[in-house]
Amino acid sequence: MFAHLSEVPDFADKLHLYVALAPIASVTYMSSKALSIVGNTPLAQIMQFLHMYDFLPWMDIPTLEYDFCYYFSSLCADAVHSLDGDISVDNLDRFPVIVAHEPGGTSVRNMELWEQGIHHNSSAFCKFDYGELTNMRVYHNITAPCYDLSAIKAPVAWWVGNEDALADPRDVEWLR
């Protein structure tokens, strides 16, 4: 949404308020172990080579996630812990319900964008980097442009947890 609001500032006229829960535009201070591993391995390239374009897609058996977390709660907690940090602040009894309602994964291209964010030299929120040749065709520049977050006119309210390993409060402050 931040990308869209920066590219189409007049979209703010359609919003009374944009409410962002754990907003992420930079991952400079992210401490998520799982996403750090993804960012430091060629996982997206391997998946594309194998013609796999969905990363952790939603399963056709919605109770599978519930049952897994119900019967293997410690494994489920470890998986969630690797993504978002300290689980001591979470209600472990609710994990089966929460995970069973997870709408799905993401695209491999989105995972590549995460990798690019992890490897970016500074705090920035940039468009997808296709490489110099394709960037020239798409962006008319050899580098992918960054979004101008100062162009956002919409009123934004956001919440972030102090123990969030993905949306680190320092990254959210940078976004603000």
C-alpha atoms as a PDB file:
ATOM      1  CA  MET A   1       0.000   0.000   0.000  1.00  0.00           C
ATOM      2  CA  PHE A   2       2.885   2.380   0.736  1.00  0.00           C
ATOM      3  CA  ALA A   3       4.194   1.830  -2.799  1.00  0.00           C
ATOM      4  CA  HIS A   4       0.787   2.597  -4.302  1.00  0.00           C
ATOM      5  CA  LEU A   5       0.232   5.641  -2.111  1.00  0.00           C
ATOM      6  CA  SER A   6       3.627   7.042  -3.099  1.00  0.00           C
ATOM      7  CA  GLU A   7       3.076   6.394  -6.808  1.00  0.00           C
ATOM      8  CA  VAL A   8      -0.568   7.590  -6.873  1.00  0.00           C
ATOM      9  CA  PRO A   9      -0.816  10.264  -4.154  1.00  0.00           C
ATOM     10  CA  ASP A  10      -4.396  11.152  -5.156  1.00  0.00           C
ATOM     11  CA  PHE A  11      -5.478   7.680  -4.044  1.00  0.00           C
ATOM     12  CA  ALA A  12      -5.412   9.213  -0.555  1.00  0.00           C
ATOM     13  CA  ASP A  13      -8.685  10.962  -1.458  1.00  0.00           C
ATOM     14  CA  LYS A  14     -10.373   7.546  -1.414  1.00  0.00           C
ATOM     15  CA  LEU A  15      -9.178   6.778   2.122  1.00  0.00           C
ATOM     16  CA  HIS A  16     -10.402   8.074   5.415  1.00  0.00           C
ATOM     17  CA  LEU A  17      -7.449   6.424   7.159  1.00  0.00           C
ATOM     18  CA  TYR A  18      -4.905   3.795   6.184  1.00  0.00           C
ATOM     19  CA  VAL A  19      -4.381   1.456   9.145  1.00  0.00           C
ATOM     20  CA  ALA A  20      -1.102  -0.448   8.903  1.00  0.00           C
ATOM     21  CA  LEU A  21      -0.329  -3.277  11.286  1.00  0.00           C
ATOM     22  CA  ALA A  22       3.420  -3.944  11.525  1.00  0.00           C
ATOM     23  CA  PRO A  23       4.204  -1.887   8.411  1.00  0.00           C
ATOM     24  CA  ILE A  24       7.374  -2.792   6.569  1.00  0.00           C
ATOM     25  CA  ALA A  25       9.163  -0.715   3.940  1.00  0.00           C
ATOM     26  CA  SER A  26      12.741  -1.370   5.058  1.00  0.00           C
ATOM     27  CA  VAL A  27      14.287  -4.460   6.618  1.00  0.00           C
ATOM     28  CA  THR A  28      17.538  -2.912   7.820  1.00  0.00           C
ATOM     29  CA  TYR A  29      16.970  -4.059  11.409  1.00  0.00           C
ATOM     30  CA  MET A  30      14.912  -7.195  10.719  1.00  0.00           C
ATOM     31  CA  SER A  31      16.010 -10.064  12.954  1.00  0.00           C
ATOM     32  CA  SER A  32      13.754 -12.815  11.558  1.00  0.00           C
ATOM     33  CA  LYS A  33      15.951 -15.908  11.301  1.00  0.00           C
ATOM     34  CA  ALA A  34      13.847 -17.519   8.571  1.00  0.00           C
ATOM     35  CA  LEU A  35      13.780 -14.451   6.315  1.00  0.00           C
ATOM     36  CA  SER A  36      17.484 -13.850   6.875  1.00  0.00           C
ATOM     37  CA  ILE A  37      18.130 -17.366   5.589  1.00  0.00           C
ATOM     38  CA  VAL A  38      15.849 -16.740   2.603  1.00  0.00           C
ATOM     39  CA  GLY A  39      17.638 -13.450   1.941  1.00  0.00           C
ATOM     40  CA  ASN A  40      21.064 -15.055   2.029  1.00  0.00           C
ATOM     41  CA  THR A  41      20.355 -18.065  -0.170  1.00  0.00           C
ATOM     42  CA  PRO A  42      19.372 -18.281  -3.845  1.00  0.00           C
ATOM     43  CA  LEU A  43      16.021 -19.840  -2.870  1.00  0.00           C
ATOM     44  CA  ALA A  44      13.955 -17.747  -5.289  1.00  0.00           C
ATOM     45  CA  GLN A  45      16.275 -18.519  -8.196  1.00  0.00           C
ATOM     46  CA  ILE A  46      16.182 -22.236  -7.397  1.00  0.00           C
ATOM     47  CA  MET A  47      12.387 -22.199  -7.233  1.00  0.00           C
ATOM     48  CA  GLN A  48      12.141 -20.356 -10.566  1.00  0.00           C
ATOM     49  CA  PHE A  49      14.568 -22.825 -12.141  1.00  0.00           C
ATOM     50  CA  LEU A  50      12.211 -25.588 -10.964  1.00  0.00           C
ATOM     51  CA  HIS A  51       9.249 -23.621 -12.432  1.00  0.00           C
ATOM     52  CA  MET A  52       7.810 -23.071  -8.965  1.00  0.00           C
ATOM     53  CA  TYR A  53       6.339 -19.576  -8.703  1.00  0.00           C
ATOM     54  CA  ASP A  54       4.391 -19.785  -5.430  1.00  0.00           C
ATOM     55  CA  PHE A  55       6.152 -19.586  -2.080  1.00  0.00           C
ATOM     56  CA  LEU A  56       4.233 -21.447   0.649  1.00  0.00           C
ATOM     57  CA  PRO A  57       0.896 -21.356  -1.215  1.00  0.00           C
ATOM     58  CA  TRP A  58      -2.384 -21.831   0.599  1.00  0.00           C
ATOM     59  CA  MET A  59      -3.245 -25.497   0.863  1.00  0.00           C
ATOM     60  CA  ASP A  60      -6.505 -27.014  -0.341  1.00  0.00           C
ATOM     61  CA  ILE A  61      -6.918 -28.771   3.018  1.00  0.00           C
ATOM     62  CA  PRO A  62      -7.560 -25.907   5.491  1.00  0.00           C
ATOM     63  CA  THR A  63      -7.533 -28.187   8.533  1.00  0.00           C
ATOM     64  CA  LEU A  64      -4.027 -29.489   7.807  1.00  0.00           C
ATOM     65  CA  GLU A  65      -2.331 -26.455   9.343  1.00  0.00           C
ATOM     66  CA  TYR A  66      -4.675 -26.570  12.336  1.00  0.00           C
ATOM     67  CA  ASP A  67      -4.044 -30.273  12.938  1.00  0.00           C
ATOM     68  CA  PHE A  68      -0.287 -29.886  12.533  1.00  0.00           C
ATOM     69  CA  CYS A  69      -0.113 -27.075  15.084  1.00  0.00           C
ATOM     70  CA  TYR A  70      -2.538 -28.857  17.409  1.00  0.00           C
ATOM     71  CA  TYR A  71      -0.569 -32.111  17.508  1.00  0.00           C
ATOM     72  CA  PHE A  72       2.924 -30.680  17.048  1.00  0.00           C
ATOM     73  CA  SER A  73       2.603 -27.409  18.943  1.00  0.00           C
ATOM     74  CA  SER A  74       6.307 -27.109  19.726  1.00  0.00           C
ATOM     75  CA  LEU A  75       7.257 -27.492  16.033  1.00  0.00           C
ATOM     76  CA  CYS A  76       4.586 -24.973  15.074  1.00  0.00           C
ATOM     77  CA  ALA A  77       5.838 -22.549  17.722  1.00  0.00           C
ATOM     78  CA  ASP A  78       9.421 -22.995  16.492  1.00  0.00           C
ATOM     79  CA  ALA A  79       8.328 -22.258  12.911  1.00  0.00           C
ATOM     80  CA  VAL A  80       6.488 -19.103  13.962  1.00  0.00           C
ATOM     81  CA  HIS A  81       9.388 -18.138  16.237  1.00  0.00           C
ATOM     82  CA  SER A  82      11.814 -18.354  13.285  1.00  0.00           C
ATOM     83  CA  LEU A  83       9.628 -15.853  11.407  1.00  0.00           C
ATOM     84  CA  ASP A  84       8.669 -13.307  14.009  1.00  0.00           C
ATOM     85  CA  GLY A  85      10.995 -13.644  16.964  1.00  0.00           C
ATOM     86  CA  ASP A  86      10.056 -13.976  20.604  1.00  0.00           C
ATOM     87  CA  ILE A  87       7.020 -16.242  21.008  1.00  0.00           C
ATOM     88  CA  SER A  88       6.871 -15.732  24.768  1.00  0.00           C
ATOM     89  CA  VAL A  89       4.505 -12.830  24.123  1.00  0.00           C
ATOM     90  CA  ASP A  90       2.176 -14.990  22.014  1.00  0.00           C
ATOM     91  CA  ASN A  91      -0.739 -17.156  23.074  1.00  0.00           C
ATOM     92  CA  LEU A  92       0.537 -20.581  22.013  1.00  0.00           C
ATOM     93  CA  ASP A  93      -2.880 -22.173  22.535  1.00  0.00           C
ATOM     94  CA  ARG A  94      -4.247 -20.023  19.687  1.00  0.00           C
ATOM     95  CA  PHE A  95      -1.544 -20.962  17.130  1.00  0.00           C
ATOM     96  CA  PRO A  96      -3.546 -23.799  15.565  1.00  0.00           C
ATOM     97  CA  VAL A  97      -6.475 -21.437  14.934  1.00  0.00           C
ATOM     98  CA  ILE A  98      -4.294 -18.587  13.698  1.00  0.00           C
ATOM     99  CA  VAL A  99      -2.248 -20.770  11.344  1.00  0.00           C
ATOM    100  CA  ALA A 100      -5.372 -22.510  10.007  1.00  0.00           C
ATOM    101  CA  HIS A 101      -6.660 -19.118   8.856  1.00  0.00           C
ATOM    102  CA  GLU A 102      -3.441 -18.023   7.171  1.00  0.00           C
ATOM    103  CA  PRO A 103      -4.585 -17.071   3.663  1.00  0.00           C
ATOM    104  CA  GLY A 104      -1.466 -18.291   1.936  1.00  0.00           C
ATOM    105  CA  GLY A 105       2.051 -17.603   0.931  1.00  0.00           C
ATOM    106  CA  THR A 106       3.386 -15.217  -1.649  1.00  0.00           C
ATOM    107  CA  SER A 107       5.007 -15.200  -5.043  1.00  0.00           C
ATOM    108  CA  VAL A 108       8.608 -16.155  -5.641  1.00  0.00           C
ATOM    109  CA  ARG A 109       9.101 -12.683  -7.173  1.00  0.00           C
ATOM    110  CA  ASN A 110       7.982 -11.142  -3.874  1.00  0.00           C
ATOM    111  CA  MET A 111      10.548 -13.307  -2.081  1.00  0.00           C
ATOM    112  CA  GLU A 112      13.180 -11.966  -4.505  1.00  0.00           C
ATOM    113  CA  LEU A 113      12.094  -8.429  -3.603  1.00  0.00           C
ATOM    114  CA  TRP A 114      12.632  -9.325   0.079  1.00  0.00           C
ATOM    115  CA  GLU A 115      16.102 -10.592  -0.811  1.00  0.00           C
ATOM    116  CA  GLN A 116      16.837  -7.313  -2.583  1.00  0.00           C
ATOM    117  CA  GLY A 117      15.632  -5.354   0.455  1.00  0.00           C
ATOM    118  CA  ILE A 118      17.885  -7.394   2.721  1.00  0.00           C
ATOM    119  CA  HIS A 119      20.910  -6.759   0.501  1.00  0.00           C
ATOM    120  CA  HIS A 120      20.228  -3.063  -0.148  1.00  0.00           C
ATOM    121  CA  ASN A 121      23.034  -0.909   1.222  1.00  0.00           C
ATOM    122  CA  SER A 122      20.833   1.548   3.093  1.00  0.00           C
ATOM    123  CA  SER A 123      17.339   2.005   4.344  1.00  0.00           C
ATOM    124  CA  ALA A 124      15.305   2.312   1.172  1.00  0.00           C
ATOM    125  CA  PHE A 125      12.044   1.104  -0.290  1.00  0.00           C
ATOM    126  CA  CYS A 126      12.697   0.376  -3.943  1.00  0.00           C
ATOM    127  CA  LYS A 127      10.987  -1.232  -6.897  1.00  0.00           C
ATOM    128  CA  PHE A 128      11.909  -4.695  -8.120  1.00  0.00           C
ATOM    129  CA  ASP A 129      15.431  -4.839  -9.560  1.00  0.00           C
ATOM    130  CA  TYR A 130      15.333  -6.868 -12.784  1.00  0.00           C
ATOM    131  CA  GLY A 131      19.010  -6.350 -13.591  1.00  0.00           C
ATOM    132  CA  GLU A 132      20.564  -3.593 -15.680  1.00  0.00           C
ATOM    133  CA  LEU A 133      19.202  -4.589 -19.117  1.00  0.00           C
ATOM    134  CA  THR A 134      15.590  -5.109 -18.089  1.00  0.00           C
ATOM    135  CA  ASN A 135      15.724  -2.139 -15.708  1.00  0.00           C
ATOM    136  CA  MET A 136      16.632   0.039 -18.708  1.00  0.00           C
ATOM    137  CA  ARG A 137      13.591  -1.241 -20.593  1.00  0.00           C
ATOM    138  CA  VAL A 138      11.196  -1.013 -17.640  1.00  0.00           C
ATOM    139  CA  TYR A 139      12.495   2.006 -15.701  1.00  0.00           C
ATOM    140  CA  HIS A 140      14.687   3.770 -18.316  1.00  0.00           C
ATOM    141  CA  ASN A 141      17.532   3.529 -15.827  1.00  0.00           C
ATOM    142  CA  ILE A 142      20.054   0.789 -15.004  1.00  0.00           C
ATOM    143  CA  THR A 143      18.993   0.741 -11.346  1.00  0.00           C
ATOM    144  CA  ALA A 144      15.550   0.205  -9.893  1.00  0.00           C
ATOM    145  CA  PRO A 145      14.094   3.457  -8.577  1.00  0.00           C
ATOM    146  CA  CYS A 146      13.086   3.857  -4.961  1.00  0.00           C
ATOM    147  CA  TYR A 147       9.636   5.000  -3.924  1.00  0.00           C
ATOM    148  CA  ASP A 148       9.235   8.586  -2.791  1.00  0.00           C
ATOM    149  CA  LEU A 149       7.512   7.977   0.526  1.00  0.00           C
ATOM    150  CA  SER A 150       7.294  11.731   1.146  1.00  0.00           C
ATOM    151  CA  ALA A 151       4.672  11.862  -1.640  1.00  0.00           C
ATOM    152  CA  ILE A 152       2.156   9.969   0.523  1.00  0.00           C
ATOM    153  CA  LYS A 153      -0.744  12.256   1.413  1.00  0.00           C
ATOM    154  CA  ALA A 154      -2.984   9.716   3.142  1.00  0.00           C
ATOM    155  CA  PRO A 155      -3.414   9.776   6.893  1.00  0.00           C
ATOM    156  CA  VAL A 156      -1.693   6.681   8.252  1.00  0.00           C
ATOM    157  CA  ALA A 157      -2.071   4.991  11.630  1.00  0.00           C
ATOM    158  CA  TRP A 158       0.240   2.108  12.446  1.00  0.00           C
ATOM    159  CA  TRP A 159       0.992  -0.321  15.183  1.00  0.00           C
ATOM    160  CA  VAL A 160       4.123  -2.344  15.722  1.00  0.00           C
ATOM    161  CA  GLY A 161       5.138  -4.633  18.538  1.00  0.00           C
ATOM    162  CA  ASN A 162       8.298  -4.030  20.521  1.00  0.00           C
ATOM    163  CA  GLU A 163       9.376  -7.645  19.991  1.00  0.00           C
ATOM    164  CA  ASP A 164       8.563  -7.953  16.265  1.00  0.00           C
ATOM    165  CA  ALA A 165      11.488  -9.572  14.441  1.00  0.00           C
ATOM    166  CA  LEU A 166      10.131  -8.638  11.027  1.00  0.00           C
ATOM    167  CA  ALA A 167       8.743  -5.120  11.498  1.00  0.00           C
ATOM    168  CA  ASP A 168      11.452  -3.828  13.791  1.00  0.00           C
ATOM    169  CA  PRO A 169      10.399  -0.592  15.526  1.00  0.00           C
ATOM    170  CA  ARG A 170      13.537   1.136  14.147  1.00  0.00           C
ATOM    171  CA  ASP A 171      12.490   0.303  10.567  1.00  0.00           C
ATOM    172  CA  VAL A 172       8.973   1.543  11.286  1.00  0.00           C
ATOM    173  CA  GLU A 173      10.426   4.760  12.701  1.00  0.00           C
ATOM    174  CA  TRP A 174      12.446   5.176   9.481  1.00  0.00           C
ATOM    175  CA  LEU A 175       9.225   4.723   7.516  1.00  0.00           C
ATOM    176  CA  ARG A 176       7.497   7.356   9.646  1.00  0.00           C
END
